[in-house]
Amino acid sequence: MLFIGLYDQVAKTAAVSVVHLQNGPSQMIQPAHEDWITKIATLDDKVMTASLDCKIKLWGQQNGEFHLVSSYMHSKKVNVMLVVERVLMVADETGGLSVLEIKENSQIQLVRQMDMYHQQ
């Protein structure tokens, strides 16, 4: 599968286009976010999205359709997200760095938050 983030400037919503590369129909996850999607990552059979709307979302598949499993509201706009196993490293618009964890119940939880410009 190929995941593409799309933003509708008129409706002010973002969607994820899911393109099945082998014979399957394509589909849209919409509305996925309320601002530009900055990162799309896969985790096992799930898809994670991060956005300038300050949200990180976890999407799961059921009966071939994606649905929202979990959402996390970050304090700032999310510019970068790196997913390694069940740990997320998130960089925000101010240069802050957060470490998040995806729990067994699929909830996204803050582990640590660091302000990189004001560290002592």
PDB file of N, CA and C in Angstrom:
ATOM      1  N   MET A   1       0.835  -1.182   0.000  1.00  0.00           N
ATOM      2  CA  MET A   1       0.000   0.000   0.000  1.00  0.00           C
ATOM      3  C   MET A   1       0.876   1.241   0.000  1.00  0.00           C
ATOM      4  N   LEU A   2       0.369   2.273  -0.605  1.00  0.00           N
ATOM      5  CA  LEU A   2       1.018   3.571  -0.656  1.00  0.00           C
ATOM      6  C   LEU A   2       0.070   4.568  -0.003  1.00  0.00           C
ATOM      7  N   PHE A   3       0.598   5.415   0.883  1.00  0.00           N
ATOM      8  CA  PHE A   3      -0.205   6.405   1.593  1.00  0.00           C
ATOM      9  C   PHE A   3       0.233   7.799   1.176  1.00  0.00           C
ATOM     10  N   ILE A   4      -0.727   8.635   0.773  1.00  0.00           N
ATOM     11  CA  ILE A   4      -0.430   9.982   0.298  1.00  0.00           C
ATOM     12  C   ILE A   4      -1.297  10.974   1.074  1.00  0.00           C
ATOM     13  N   GLY A   5      -0.661  11.976   1.675  1.00  0.00           N
ATOM     14  CA  GLY A   5      -1.393  13.019   2.386  1.00  0.00           C
ATOM     15  C   GLY A   5      -1.854  14.095   1.426  1.00  0.00           C
ATOM     16  N   LEU A   6      -3.112  14.475   1.514  1.00  0.00           N
ATOM     17  CA  LEU A   6      -3.709  15.495   0.643  1.00  0.00           C
ATOM     18  C   LEU A   6      -4.338  16.579   1.506  1.00  0.00           C
ATOM     19  N   TYR A   7      -4.296  17.830   1.057  1.00  0.00           N
ATOM     20  CA  TYR A   7      -4.904  18.932   1.812  1.00  0.00           C
ATOM     21  C   TYR A   7      -5.813  19.735   0.899  1.00  0.00           C
ATOM     22  N   ASP A   8      -7.043  19.958   1.334  1.00  0.00           N
ATOM     23  CA  ASP A   8      -8.017  20.753   0.599  1.00  0.00           C
ATOM     24  C   ASP A   8      -8.028  22.150   1.201  1.00  0.00           C
ATOM     25  N   GLN A   9      -7.457  23.130   0.498  1.00  0.00           N
ATOM     26  CA  GLN A   9      -7.351  24.480   1.029  1.00  0.00           C
ATOM     27  C   GLN A   9      -8.700  25.173   1.149  1.00  0.00           C
ATOM     28  N   VAL A  10      -9.664  24.766   0.378  1.00  0.00           N
ATOM     29  CA  VAL A  10     -10.996  25.368   0.453  1.00  0.00           C
ATOM     30  C   VAL A  10     -11.740  24.845   1.673  1.00  0.00           C
ATOM     31  N   ALA A  11     -11.780  23.531   1.831  1.00  0.00           N
ATOM     32  CA  ALA A  11     -12.494  22.924   2.961  1.00  0.00           C
ATOM     33  C   ALA A  11     -11.681  22.958   4.247  1.00  0.00           C
ATOM     34  N   LYS A  12     -10.372  23.249   4.143  1.00  0.00           N
ATOM     35  CA  LYS A  12      -9.466  23.283   5.297  1.00  0.00           C
ATOM     36  C   LYS A  12      -9.429  21.950   6.028  1.00  0.00           C
ATOM     37  N   THR A  13      -9.384  20.866   5.253  1.00  0.00           N
ATOM     38  CA  THR A  13      -9.256  19.534   5.830  1.00  0.00           C
ATOM     39  C   THR A  13      -8.225  18.741   5.045  1.00  0.00           C
ATOM     40  N   ALA A  14      -7.636  17.764   5.717  1.00  0.00           N
ATOM     41  CA  ALA A  14      -6.648  16.901   5.076  1.00  0.00           C
ATOM     42  C   ALA A  14      -7.194  15.484   5.027  1.00  0.00           C
ATOM     43  N   ALA A  15      -6.750  14.737   4.033  1.00  0.00           N
ATOM     44  CA  ALA A  15      -7.156  13.343   3.870  1.00  0.00           C
ATOM     45  C   ALA A  15      -5.920  12.516   3.562  1.00  0.00           C
ATOM     46  N   VAL A  16      -6.048  11.231   3.733  1.00  0.00           N
ATOM     47  CA  VAL A  16      -4.998  10.298   3.352  1.00  0.00           C
ATOM     48  C   VAL A  16      -5.555   9.421   2.247  1.00  0.00           C
ATOM     49  N   SER A  17      -4.872   9.409   1.126  1.00  0.00           N
ATOM     50  CA  SER A  17      -5.250   8.524   0.041  1.00  0.00           C
ATOM     51  C   SER A  17      -4.494   7.212   0.225  1.00  0.00           C
ATOM     52  N   VAL A  18      -5.219   6.114   0.266  1.00  0.00           N
ATOM     53  CA  VAL A  18      -4.628   4.786   0.422  1.00  0.00           C
ATOM     54  C   VAL A  18      -4.704   4.101  -0.935  1.00  0.00           C
ATOM     55  N   VAL A  19      -3.550   3.880  -1.536  1.00  0.00           N
ATOM     56  CA  VAL A  19      -3.485   3.269  -2.861  1.00  0.00           C
ATOM     57  C   VAL A  19      -3.001   1.832  -2.693  1.00  0.00           C
ATOM     58  N   HIS A  20      -3.834   0.885  -3.073  1.00  0.00           N
ATOM     59  CA  HIS A  20      -3.466  -0.528  -3.029  1.00  0.00           C
ATOM     60  C   HIS A  20      -2.719  -0.853  -4.313  1.00  0.00           C
ATOM     61  N   LEU A  21      -1.476  -1.248  -4.186  1.00  0.00           N
ATOM     62  CA  LEU A  21      -0.637  -1.459  -5.359  1.00  0.00           C
ATOM     63  C   LEU A  21      -0.915  -2.777  -6.065  1.00  0.00           C
ATOM     64  N   GLN A  22      -1.592  -3.698  -5.387  1.00  0.00           N
ATOM     65  CA  GLN A  22      -1.883  -4.998  -6.002  1.00  0.00           C
ATOM     66  C   GLN A  22      -3.392  -5.217  -6.077  1.00  0.00           C
ATOM     67  N   ASN A  23      -3.980  -4.824  -7.160  1.00  0.00           N
ATOM     68  CA  ASN A  23      -5.372  -5.169  -7.496  1.00  0.00           C
ATOM     69  C   ASN A  23      -6.477  -4.595  -6.617  1.00  0.00           C
ATOM     70  N   GLY A  24      -6.206  -4.185  -5.410  1.00  0.00           N
ATOM     71  CA  GLY A  24      -7.287  -3.732  -4.537  1.00  0.00           C
ATOM     72  C   GLY A  24      -7.745  -2.330  -4.875  1.00  0.00           C
ATOM     73  N   PRO A  25      -8.952  -1.964  -4.455  1.00  0.00           N
ATOM     74  CA  PRO A  25      -9.445  -0.613  -4.705  1.00  0.00           C
ATOM     75  C   PRO A  25      -8.741   0.392  -3.794  1.00  0.00           C
ATOM     76  N   SER A  26      -8.615   1.602  -4.277  1.00  0.00           N
ATOM     77  CA  SER A  26      -8.054   2.673  -3.466  1.00  0.00           C
ATOM     78  C   SER A  26      -9.160   3.243  -2.584  1.00  0.00           C
ATOM     79  N   GLN A  27      -8.760   3.912  -1.511  1.00  0.00           N
ATOM     80  CA  GLN A  27      -9.747   4.516  -0.626  1.00  0.00           C
ATOM     81  C   GLN A  27      -9.178   5.783  -0.018  1.00  0.00           C
ATOM     82  N   MET A  28     -10.040   6.563   0.614  1.00  0.00           N
ATOM     83  CA  MET A  28      -9.632   7.800   1.265  1.00  0.00           C
ATOM     84  C   MET A  28      -9.958   7.701   2.749  1.00  0.00           C
ATOM     85  N   ILE A  29      -9.039   8.177   3.566  1.00  0.00           N
ATOM     86  CA  ILE A  29      -9.312   8.374   4.991  1.00  0.00           C
ATOM     87  C   ILE A  29      -9.573   9.869   5.113  1.00  0.00           C
ATOM     88  N   GLN A  30     -10.835  10.223   5.322  1.00  0.00           N
ATOM     89  CA  GLN A  30     -11.159  11.644   5.391  1.00  0.00           C
ATOM     90  C   GLN A  30     -12.367  11.903   6.251  1.00  0.00           C
ATOM     91  N   PRO A  31     -12.445  13.035   6.907  1.00  0.00           N
ATOM     92  CA  PRO A  31     -11.323  13.943   7.058  1.00  0.00           C
ATOM     93  C   PRO A  31     -10.323  13.368   8.061  1.00  0.00           C
ATOM     94  N   ALA A  32      -9.073  13.358   7.710  1.00  0.00           N
ATOM     95  CA  ALA A  32      -8.040  12.794   8.578  1.00  0.00           C
ATOM     96  C   ALA A  32      -7.543  13.839   9.576  1.00  0.00           C
ATOM     97  N   HIS A  33      -7.350  15.060   9.111  1.00  0.00           N
ATOM     98  CA  HIS A  33      -6.844  16.152   9.959  1.00  0.00           C
ATOM     99  C   HIS A  33      -7.455  17.468   9.507  1.00  0.00           C
ATOM    100  N   GLU A  34      -7.219  18.514  10.298  1.00  0.00           N
ATOM    101  CA  GLU A  34      -7.737  19.845   9.990  1.00  0.00           C
ATOM    102  C   GLU A  34      -6.660  20.780   9.462  1.00  0.00           C
ATOM    103  N   ASP A  35      -5.475  20.255   9.194  1.00  0.00           N
ATOM    104  CA  ASP A  35      -4.384  21.038   8.626  1.00  0.00           C
ATOM    105  C   ASP A  35      -3.473  20.076   7.868  1.00  0.00           C
ATOM    106  N   TRP A  36      -2.404  20.586   7.290  1.00  0.00           N
ATOM    107  CA  TRP A  36      -1.493  19.775   6.491  1.00  0.00           C
ATOM    108  C   TRP A  36      -0.991  18.568   7.259  1.00  0.00           C
ATOM    109  N   ILE A  37      -0.924  17.438   6.593  1.00  0.00           N
ATOM    110  CA  ILE A  37      -0.334  16.218   7.165  1.00  0.00           C
ATOM    111  C   ILE A  37       1.168  16.300   6.924  1.00  0.00           C
ATOM    112  N   THR A  38       1.956  16.167   8.005  1.00  0.00           N
ATOM    113  CA  THR A  38       3.405  16.303   7.895  1.00  0.00           C
ATOM    114  C   THR A  38       4.127  14.963   7.858  1.00  0.00           C
ATOM    115  N   LYS A  39       3.478  13.896   8.321  1.00  0.00           N
ATOM    116  CA  LYS A  39       4.129  12.589   8.341  1.00  0.00           C
ATOM    117  C   LYS A  39       3.084  11.485   8.308  1.00  0.00           C
ATOM    118  N   ILE A  40       3.380  10.456   7.528  1.00  0.00           N
ATOM    119  CA  ILE A  40       2.583   9.232   7.498  1.00  0.00           C
ATOM    120  C   ILE A  40       3.550   8.085   7.717  1.00  0.00           C
ATOM    121  N   ALA A  41       3.235   7.212   8.661  1.00  0.00           N
ATOM    122  CA  ALA A  41       4.105   6.064   8.953  1.00  0.00           C
ATOM    123  C   ALA A  41       3.238   4.841   9.186  1.00  0.00           C
ATOM    124  N   THR A  42       3.804   3.679   8.939  1.00  0.00           N
ATOM    125  CA  THR A  42       3.084   2.440   9.214  1.00  0.00           C
ATOM    126  C   THR A  42       3.649   1.790  10.464  1.00  0.00           C
ATOM    127  N   LEU A  43       2.790   1.111  11.175  1.00  0.00           N
ATOM    128  CA  LEU A  43       3.153   0.384  12.388  1.00  0.00           C
ATOM    129  C   LEU A  43       2.333  -0.894  12.393  1.00  0.00           C
ATOM    130  N   ASP A  44       3.004  -2.010  12.140  1.00  0.00           N
ATOM    131  CA  ASP A  44       2.305  -3.286  12.008  1.00  0.00           C
ATOM    132  C   ASP A  44       1.214  -3.141  10.949  1.00  0.00           C
ATOM    133  N   ASP A  45      -0.034  -3.358  11.326  1.00  0.00           N
ATOM    134  CA  ASP A  45      -1.144  -3.242  10.374  1.00  0.00           C
ATOM    135  C   ASP A  45      -1.880  -1.909  10.498  1.00  0.00           C
ATOM    136  N   LYS A  46      -1.253  -0.946  11.170  1.00  0.00           N
ATOM    137  CA  LYS A  46      -1.878   0.356  11.394  1.00  0.00           C
ATOM    138  C   LYS A  46      -1.106   1.455  10.651  1.00  0.00           C
ATOM    139  N   VAL A  47      -1.744   2.608  10.546  1.00  0.00           N
ATOM    140  CA  VAL A  47      -1.148   3.778   9.915  1.00  0.00           C
ATOM    141  C   VAL A  47      -1.181   4.923  10.924  1.00  0.00           C
ATOM    142  N   MET A  48      -0.069   5.661  11.028  1.00  0.00           N
ATOM    143  CA  MET A  48      -0.005   6.820  11.909  1.00  0.00           C
ATOM    144  C   MET A  48       0.126   8.067  11.052  1.00  0.00           C
ATOM    145  N   THR A  49      -0.572   9.129  11.460  1.00  0.00           N
ATOM    146  CA  THR A  49      -0.461  10.408  10.775  1.00  0.00           C
ATOM    147  C   THR A  49      -0.165  11.494  11.803  1.00  0.00           C
ATOM    148  N   ALA A  50       0.635  12.475  11.390  1.00  0.00           N
ATOM    149  CA  ALA A  50       0.925  13.649  12.208  1.00  0.00           C
ATOM    150  C   ALA A  50       0.599  14.867  11.365  1.00  0.00           C
ATOM    151  N   SER A  51       0.223  15.958  12.042  1.00  0.00           N
ATOM    152  CA  SER A  51      -0.270  17.100  11.293  1.00  0.00           C
ATOM    153  C   SER A  51       0.067  18.418  11.971  1.00  0.00           C
ATOM    154  N   LEU A  52      -0.044  19.483  11.184  1.00  0.00           N
ATOM    155  CA  LEU A  52       0.101  20.822  11.724  1.00  0.00           C
ATOM    156  C   LEU A  52      -1.102  21.229  12.569  1.00  0.00           C
ATOM    157  N   ASP A  53      -2.131  20.371  12.653  1.00  0.00           N
ATOM    158  CA  ASP A  53      -3.266  20.645  13.544  1.00  0.00           C
ATOM    159  C   ASP A  53      -2.967  20.198  14.978  1.00  0.00           C
ATOM    160  N   CYS A  54      -1.715  19.833  15.252  1.00  0.00           N
ATOM    161  CA  CYS A  54      -1.223  19.420  16.576  1.00  0.00           C
ATOM    162  C   CYS A  54      -1.650  18.011  16.961  1.00  0.00           C
ATOM    163  N   LYS A  55      -2.196  17.254  16.055  1.00  0.00           N
ATOM    164  CA  LYS A  55      -2.695  15.920  16.382  1.00  0.00           C
ATOM    165  C   LYS A  55      -1.852  14.821  15.750  1.00  0.00           C
ATOM    166  N   ILE A  56      -1.732  13.730  16.495  1.00  0.00           N
ATOM    167  CA  ILE A  56      -1.132  12.496  16.002  1.00  0.00           C
ATOM    168  C   ILE A  56      -2.239  11.460  16.076  1.00  0.00           C
ATOM    169  N   LYS A  57      -2.483  10.767  14.976  1.00  0.00           N
ATOM    170  CA  LYS A  57      -3.588   9.812  14.933  1.00  0.00           C
ATOM    171  C   LYS A  57      -3.104   8.436  14.509  1.00  0.00           C
ATOM    172  N   LEU A  58      -3.740   7.439  15.077  1.00  0.00           N
ATOM    173  CA  LEU A  58      -3.459   6.037  14.766  1.00  0.00           C
ATOM    174  C   LEU A  58      -4.707   5.462  14.119  1.00  0.00           C
ATOM    175  N   TRP A  59      -4.529   4.899  12.910  1.00  0.00           N
ATOM    176  CA  TRP A  59      -5.638   4.364  12.124  1.00  0.00           C
ATOM    177  C   TRP A  59      -5.473   2.854  11.994  1.00  0.00           C
ATOM    178  N   GLY A  60      -6.557   2.130  12.179  1.00  0.00           N
ATOM    179  CA  GLY A  60      -6.541   0.683  12.017  1.00  0.00           C
ATOM    180  C   GLY A  60      -7.479   0.257  10.911  1.00  0.00           C
ATOM    181  N   GLN A  61      -7.303  -0.974  10.448  1.00  0.00           N
ATOM    182  CA  GLN A  61      -8.157  -1.499   9.382  1.00  0.00           C
ATOM    183  C   GLN A  61      -9.163  -2.484   9.949  1.00  0.00           C
ATOM    184  N   GLN A  62     -10.389  -2.376   9.477  1.00  0.00           N
ATOM    185  CA  GLN A  62     -11.440  -3.313   9.835  1.00  0.00           C
ATOM    186  C   GLN A  62     -12.307  -3.505   8.598  1.00  0.00           C
ATOM    187  N   ASN A  63     -12.445  -4.740   8.174  1.00  0.00           N
ATOM    188  CA  ASN A  63     -13.205  -5.060   6.960  1.00  0.00           C
ATOM    189  C   ASN A  63     -12.699  -4.279   5.751  1.00  0.00           C
ATOM    190  N   GLY A  64     -11.366  -4.096   5.680  1.00  0.00           N
ATOM    191  CA  GLY A  64     -10.765  -3.423   4.545  1.00  0.00           C
ATOM    192  C   GLY A  64     -10.838  -1.911   4.567  1.00  0.00           C
ATOM    193  N   GLU A  65     -11.464  -1.326   5.571  1.00  0.00           N
ATOM    194  CA  GLU A  65     -11.604   0.130   5.685  1.00  0.00           C
ATOM    195  C   GLU A  65     -10.804   0.631   6.883  1.00  0.00           C
ATOM    196  N   PHE A  66     -10.189   1.808   6.743  1.00  0.00           N
ATOM    197  CA  PHE A  66      -9.448   2.406   7.851  1.00  0.00           C
ATOM    198  C   PHE A  66     -10.383   3.209   8.743  1.00  0.00           C
ATOM    199  N   HIS A  67     -10.163   3.121  10.048  1.00  0.00           N
ATOM    200  CA  HIS A  67     -10.934   3.884  11.026  1.00  0.00           C
ATOM    201  C   HIS A  67      -9.987   4.381  12.113  1.00  0.00           C
ATOM    202  N   LEU A  68     -10.378   5.441  12.804  1.00  0.00           N
ATOM    203  CA  LEU A  68      -9.556   6.027  13.855  1.00  0.00           C
ATOM    204  C   LEU A  68      -9.539   5.111  15.076  1.00  0.00           C
ATOM    205  N   VAL A  69      -8.337   4.766  15.527  1.00  0.00           N
ATOM    206  CA  VAL A  69      -8.157   3.905  16.701  1.00  0.00           C
ATOM    207  C   VAL A  69      -7.820   4.757  17.917  1.00  0.00           C
ATOM    208  N   SER A  70      -6.943   5.752  17.715  1.00  0.00           N
ATOM    209  CA  SER A  70      -6.478   6.563  18.825  1.00  0.00           C
ATOM    210  C   SER A  70      -6.003   7.909  18.303  1.00  0.00           C
ATOM    211  N   SER A  71      -6.069   8.922  19.171  1.00  0.00           N
ATOM    212  CA  SER A  71      -5.623  10.252  18.800  1.00  0.00           C
ATOM    213  C   SER A  71      -4.902  10.880  19.991  1.00  0.00           C
ATOM    214  N   TYR A  72      -3.861  11.658  19.698  1.00  0.00           N
ATOM    215  CA  TYR A  72      -3.111  12.355  20.740  1.00  0.00           C
ATOM    216  C   TYR A  72      -3.015  13.821  20.350  1.00  0.00           C
ATOM    217  N   MET A  73      -3.354  14.713  21.275  1.00  0.00           N
ATOM    218  CA  MET A  73      -3.282  16.152  21.027  1.00  0.00           C
ATOM    219  C   MET A  73      -1.963  16.667  21.576  1.00  0.00           C
ATOM    220  N   HIS A  74      -1.060  17.048  20.677  1.00  0.00           N
ATOM    221  CA  HIS A  74       0.236  17.590  21.076  1.00  0.00           C
ATOM    222  C   HIS A  74       0.063  19.071  21.412  1.00  0.00           C
ATOM    223  N   SER A  75       0.976  19.632  22.158  1.00  0.00           N
ATOM    224  CA  SER A  75       0.849  21.037  22.563  1.00  0.00           C
ATOM    225  C   SER A  75       1.216  22.018  21.443  1.00  0.00           C
ATOM    226  N   LYS A  76       1.940  21.541  20.434  1.00  0.00           N
ATOM    227  CA  LYS A  76       2.376  22.402  19.329  1.00  0.00           C
ATOM    228  C   LYS A  76       2.151  21.684  18.000  1.00  0.00           C
ATOM    229  N   LYS A  77       2.317  22.420  16.908  1.00  0.00           N
ATOM    230  CA  LYS A  77       2.208  21.822  15.575  1.00  0.00           C
ATOM    231  C   LYS A  77       3.315  20.794  15.382  1.00  0.00           C
ATOM    232  N   VAL A  78       2.955  19.626  14.869  1.00  0.00           N
ATOM    233  CA  VAL A  78       3.919  18.538  14.680  1.00  0.00           C
ATOM    234  C   VAL A  78       4.559  18.656  13.304  1.00  0.00           C
ATOM    235  N   ASN A  79       5.887  18.848  13.295  1.00  0.00           N
ATOM    236  CA  ASN A  79       6.619  18.973  12.031  1.00  0.00           C
ATOM    237  C   ASN A  79       7.237  17.662  11.583  1.00  0.00           C
ATOM    238  N   VAL A  80       7.751  16.877  12.528  1.00  0.00           N
ATOM    239  CA  VAL A  80       8.457  15.645  12.194  1.00  0.00           C
ATOM    240  C   VAL A  80       8.049  14.561  13.181  1.00  0.00           C
ATOM    241  N   MET A  81       7.894  13.339  12.679  1.00  0.00           N
ATOM    242  CA  MET A  81       7.582  12.195  13.544  1.00  0.00           C
ATOM    243  C   MET A  81       8.369  10.996  13.048  1.00  0.00           C
ATOM    244  N   LEU A  82       9.085  10.356  13.950  1.00  0.00           N
ATOM    245  CA  LEU A  82       9.814   9.135  13.644  1.00  0.00           C
ATOM    246  C   LEU A  82       9.218   8.022  14.491  1.00  0.00           C
ATOM    247  N   VAL A  83       8.843   6.924  13.863  1.00  0.00           N
ATOM    248  CA  VAL A  83       8.232   5.788  14.571  1.00  0.00           C
ATOM    249  C   VAL A  83       9.208   4.621  14.540  1.00  0.00           C
ATOM    250  N   VAL A  84       9.590   4.138  15.723  1.00  0.00           N
ATOM    251  CA  VAL A  84      10.443   2.965  15.859  1.00  0.00           C
ATOM    252  C   VAL A  84       9.734   2.010  16.813  1.00  0.00           C
ATOM    253  N   GLU A  85       9.268   0.913  16.249  1.00  0.00           N
ATOM    254  CA  GLU A  85       8.450  -0.052  16.991  1.00  0.00           C
ATOM    255  C   GLU A  85       7.263   0.679  17.609  1.00  0.00           C
ATOM    256  N   ARG A  86       7.146   0.780  18.914  1.00  0.00           N
ATOM    257  CA  ARG A  86       5.995   1.424  19.551  1.00  0.00           C
ATOM    258  C   ARG A  86       6.366   2.767  20.180  1.00  0.00           C
ATOM    259  N   VAL A  87       7.515   3.314  19.776  1.00  0.00           N
ATOM    260  CA  VAL A  87       7.988   4.593  20.317  1.00  0.00           C
ATOM    261  C   VAL A  87       7.979   5.638  19.204  1.00  0.00           C
ATOM    262  N   LEU A  88       7.502   6.832  19.525  1.00  0.00           N
ATOM    263  CA  LEU A  88       7.457   7.932  18.577  1.00  0.00           C
ATOM    264  C   LEU A  88       8.350   9.058  19.079  1.00  0.00           C
ATOM    265  N   MET A  89       9.168   9.593  18.198  1.00  0.00           N
ATOM    266  CA  MET A  89       9.943  10.804  18.468  1.00  0.00           C
ATOM    267  C   MET A  89       9.271  11.896  17.648  1.00  0.00           C
ATOM    268  N   VAL A  90       8.856  12.963  18.313  1.00  0.00           N
ATOM    269  CA  VAL A  90       8.102  14.018  17.650  1.00  0.00           C
ATOM    270  C   VAL A  90       8.820  15.351  17.836  1.00  0.00           C
ATOM    271  N   ALA A  91       9.070  16.055  16.745  1.00  0.00           N
ATOM    272  CA  ALA A  91       9.631  17.403  16.790  1.00  0.00           C
ATOM    273  C   ALA A  91       8.521  18.380  16.417  1.00  0.00           C
ATOM    274  N   ASP A  92       8.404  19.439  17.230  1.00  0.00           N
ATOM    275  CA  ASP A  92       7.328  20.393  16.976  1.00  0.00           C
ATOM    276  C   ASP A  92       7.877  21.684  16.364  1.00  0.00           C
ATOM    277  N   GLU A  93       6.985  22.626  16.117  1.00  0.00           N
ATOM    278  CA  GLU A  93       7.325  23.868  15.426  1.00  0.00           C
ATOM    279  C   GLU A  93       8.299  24.748  16.198  1.00  0.00           C
ATOM    280  N   THR A  94       8.444  24.560  17.497  1.00  0.00           N
ATOM    281  CA  THR A  94       9.355  25.383  18.302  1.00  0.00           C
ATOM    282  C   THR A  94      10.704  24.711  18.521  1.00  0.00           C
ATOM    283  N   GLY A  95      10.894  23.524  17.945  1.00  0.00           N
ATOM    284  CA  GLY A  95      12.121  22.786  18.152  1.00  0.00           C
ATOM    285  C   GLY A  95      12.053  21.849  19.343  1.00  0.00           C
ATOM    286  N   GLY A  96      10.912  21.787  19.982  1.00  0.00           N
ATOM    287  CA  GLY A  96      10.726  20.870  21.104  1.00  0.00           C
ATOM    288  C   GLY A  96      10.708  19.427  20.622  1.00  0.00           C
ATOM    289  N   LEU A  97      11.141  18.545  21.472  1.00  0.00           N
ATOM    290  CA  LEU A  97      11.185  17.126  21.150  1.00  0.00           C
ATOM    291  C   LEU A  97      10.384  16.358  22.188  1.00  0.00           C
ATOM    292  N   SER A  98       9.513  15.485  21.738  1.00  0.00           N
ATOM    293  CA  SER A  98       8.695  14.668  22.638  1.00  0.00           C
ATOM    294  C   SER A  98       8.897  13.203  22.326  1.00  0.00           C
ATOM    295  N   VAL A  99       8.864  12.396  23.355  1.00  0.00           N
ATOM    296  CA  VAL A  99       8.899  10.948  23.207  1.00  0.00           C
ATOM    297  C   VAL A  99       7.526  10.438  23.618  1.00  0.00           C
ATOM    298  N   LEU A 100       6.880   9.725  22.722  1.00  0.00           N
ATOM    299  CA  LEU A 100       5.557   9.161  22.982  1.00  0.00           C
ATOM    300  C   LEU A 100       5.633   7.648  22.845  1.00  0.00           C
ATOM    301  N   GLU A 101       4.703   6.962  23.492  1.00  0.00           N
ATOM    302  CA  GLU A 101       4.653   5.506  23.403  1.00  0.00           C
ATOM    303  C   GLU A 101       3.243   5.067  23.044  1.00  0.00           C
ATOM    304  N   ILE A 102       3.167   4.062  22.183  1.00  0.00           N
ATOM    305  CA  ILE A 102       1.873   3.475  21.856  1.00  0.00           C
ATOM    306  C   ILE A 102       1.690   2.268  22.775  1.00  0.00           C
ATOM    307  N   LYS A 103       0.727   2.346  23.644  1.00  0.00           N
ATOM    308  CA  LYS A 103       0.465   1.282  24.614  1.00  0.00           C
ATOM    309  C   LYS A 103      -0.190   0.084  23.924  1.00  0.00           C
ATOM    310  N   GLU A 104      -0.263  -1.025  24.635  1.00  0.00           N
ATOM    311  CA  GLU A 104      -0.876  -2.247  24.098  1.00  0.00           C
ATOM    312  C   GLU A 104      -2.329  -2.029  23.689  1.00  0.00           C
ATOM    313  N   ASN A 105      -3.030  -1.121  24.379  1.00  0.00           N
ATOM    314  CA  ASN A 105      -4.432  -0.836  24.049  1.00  0.00           C
ATOM    315  C   ASN A 105      -4.553   0.218  22.935  1.00  0.00           C
ATOM    316  N   SER A 106      -3.422   0.524  22.265  1.00  0.00           N
ATOM    317  CA  SER A 106      -3.328   1.467  21.144  1.00  0.00           C
ATOM    318  C   SER A 106      -3.422   2.932  21.548  1.00  0.00           C
ATOM    319  N   GLN A 107      -3.475   3.236  22.836  1.00  0.00           N
ATOM    320  CA  GLN A 107      -3.489   4.628  23.272  1.00  0.00           C
ATOM    321  C   GLN A 107      -2.090   5.217  23.155  1.00  0.00           C
ATOM    322  N   ILE A 108      -2.010   6.480  22.774  1.00  0.00           N
ATOM    323  CA  ILE A 108      -0.742   7.177  22.617  1.00  0.00           C
ATOM    324  C   ILE A 108      -0.502   7.986  23.885  1.00  0.00           C
ATOM    325  N   GLN A 109       0.657   7.780  24.508  1.00  0.00           N
ATOM    326  CA  GLN A 109       0.937   8.395  25.803  1.00  0.00           C
ATOM    327  C   GLN A 109       2.281   9.131  25.766  1.00  0.00           C
ATOM    328  N   LEU A 110       2.312  10.322  26.355  1.00  0.00           N
ATOM    329  CA  LEU A 110       3.536  11.100  26.466  1.00  0.00           C
ATOM    330  C   LEU A 110       4.459  10.462  27.499  1.00  0.00           C
ATOM    331  N   VAL A 111       5.725  10.246  27.127  1.00  0.00           N
ATOM    332  CA  VAL A 111       6.732   9.701  28.039  1.00  0.00           C
ATOM    333  C   VAL A 111       7.621  10.832  28.547  1.00  0.00           C
ATOM    334  N   ARG A 112       8.063  11.692  27.618  1.00  0.00           N
ATOM    335  CA  ARG A 112       8.948  12.785  28.010  1.00  0.00           C
ATOM    336  C   ARG A 112       8.854  13.902  26.983  1.00  0.00           C
ATOM    337  N   GLN A 113       8.954  15.144  27.473  1.00  0.00           N
ATOM    338  CA  GLN A 113       8.936  16.299  26.592  1.00  0.00           C
ATOM    339  C   GLN A 113      10.150  17.165  26.920  1.00  0.00           C
ATOM    340  N   MET A 114      10.875  17.606  25.876  1.00  0.00           N
ATOM    341  CA  MET A 114      12.085  18.391  26.064  1.00  0.00           C
ATOM    342  C   MET A 114      12.040  19.653  25.219  1.00  0.00           C
ATOM    343  N   ASP A 115      12.445  20.755  25.801  1.00  0.00           N
ATOM    344  CA  ASP A 115      12.561  22.017  25.081  1.00  0.00           C
ATOM    345  C   ASP A 115      14.022  22.162  24.695  1.00  0.00           C
ATOM    346  N   MET A 116      14.359  21.897  23.450  1.00  0.00           N
ATOM    347  CA  MET A 116      15.750  21.834  23.003  1.00  0.00           C
ATOM    348  C   MET A 116      16.455  23.189  23.047  1.00  0.00           C
ATOM    349  N   TYR A 117      15.734  24.297  22.979  1.00  0.00           N
ATOM    350  CA  TYR A 117      16.372  25.594  22.963  1.00  0.00           C
ATOM    351  C   TYR A 117      16.593  26.177  24.357  1.00  0.00           C
ATOM    352  N   HIS A 118      15.925  25.638  25.352  1.00  0.00           N
ATOM    353  CA  HIS A 118      16.027  26.189  26.706  1.00  0.00           C
ATOM    354  C   HIS A 118      16.533  25.175  27.716  1.00  0.00           C
ATOM    355  N   GLN A 119      17.267  24.164  27.262  1.00  0.00           N
ATOM    356  CA  GLN A 119      17.853  23.161  28.160  1.00  0.00           C
ATOM    357  C   GLN A 119      18.985  23.810  28.944  1.00  0.00           C
ATOM    358  N   GLN A 120      19.145  23.407  30.188  1.00  0.00           N
ATOM    359  CA  GLN A 120      20.236  23.940  31.004  1.00  0.00           C
ATOM    360  C   GLN A 120      21.315  22.914  31.180  1.00  0.00           C
TER     361      GLN A 120
END
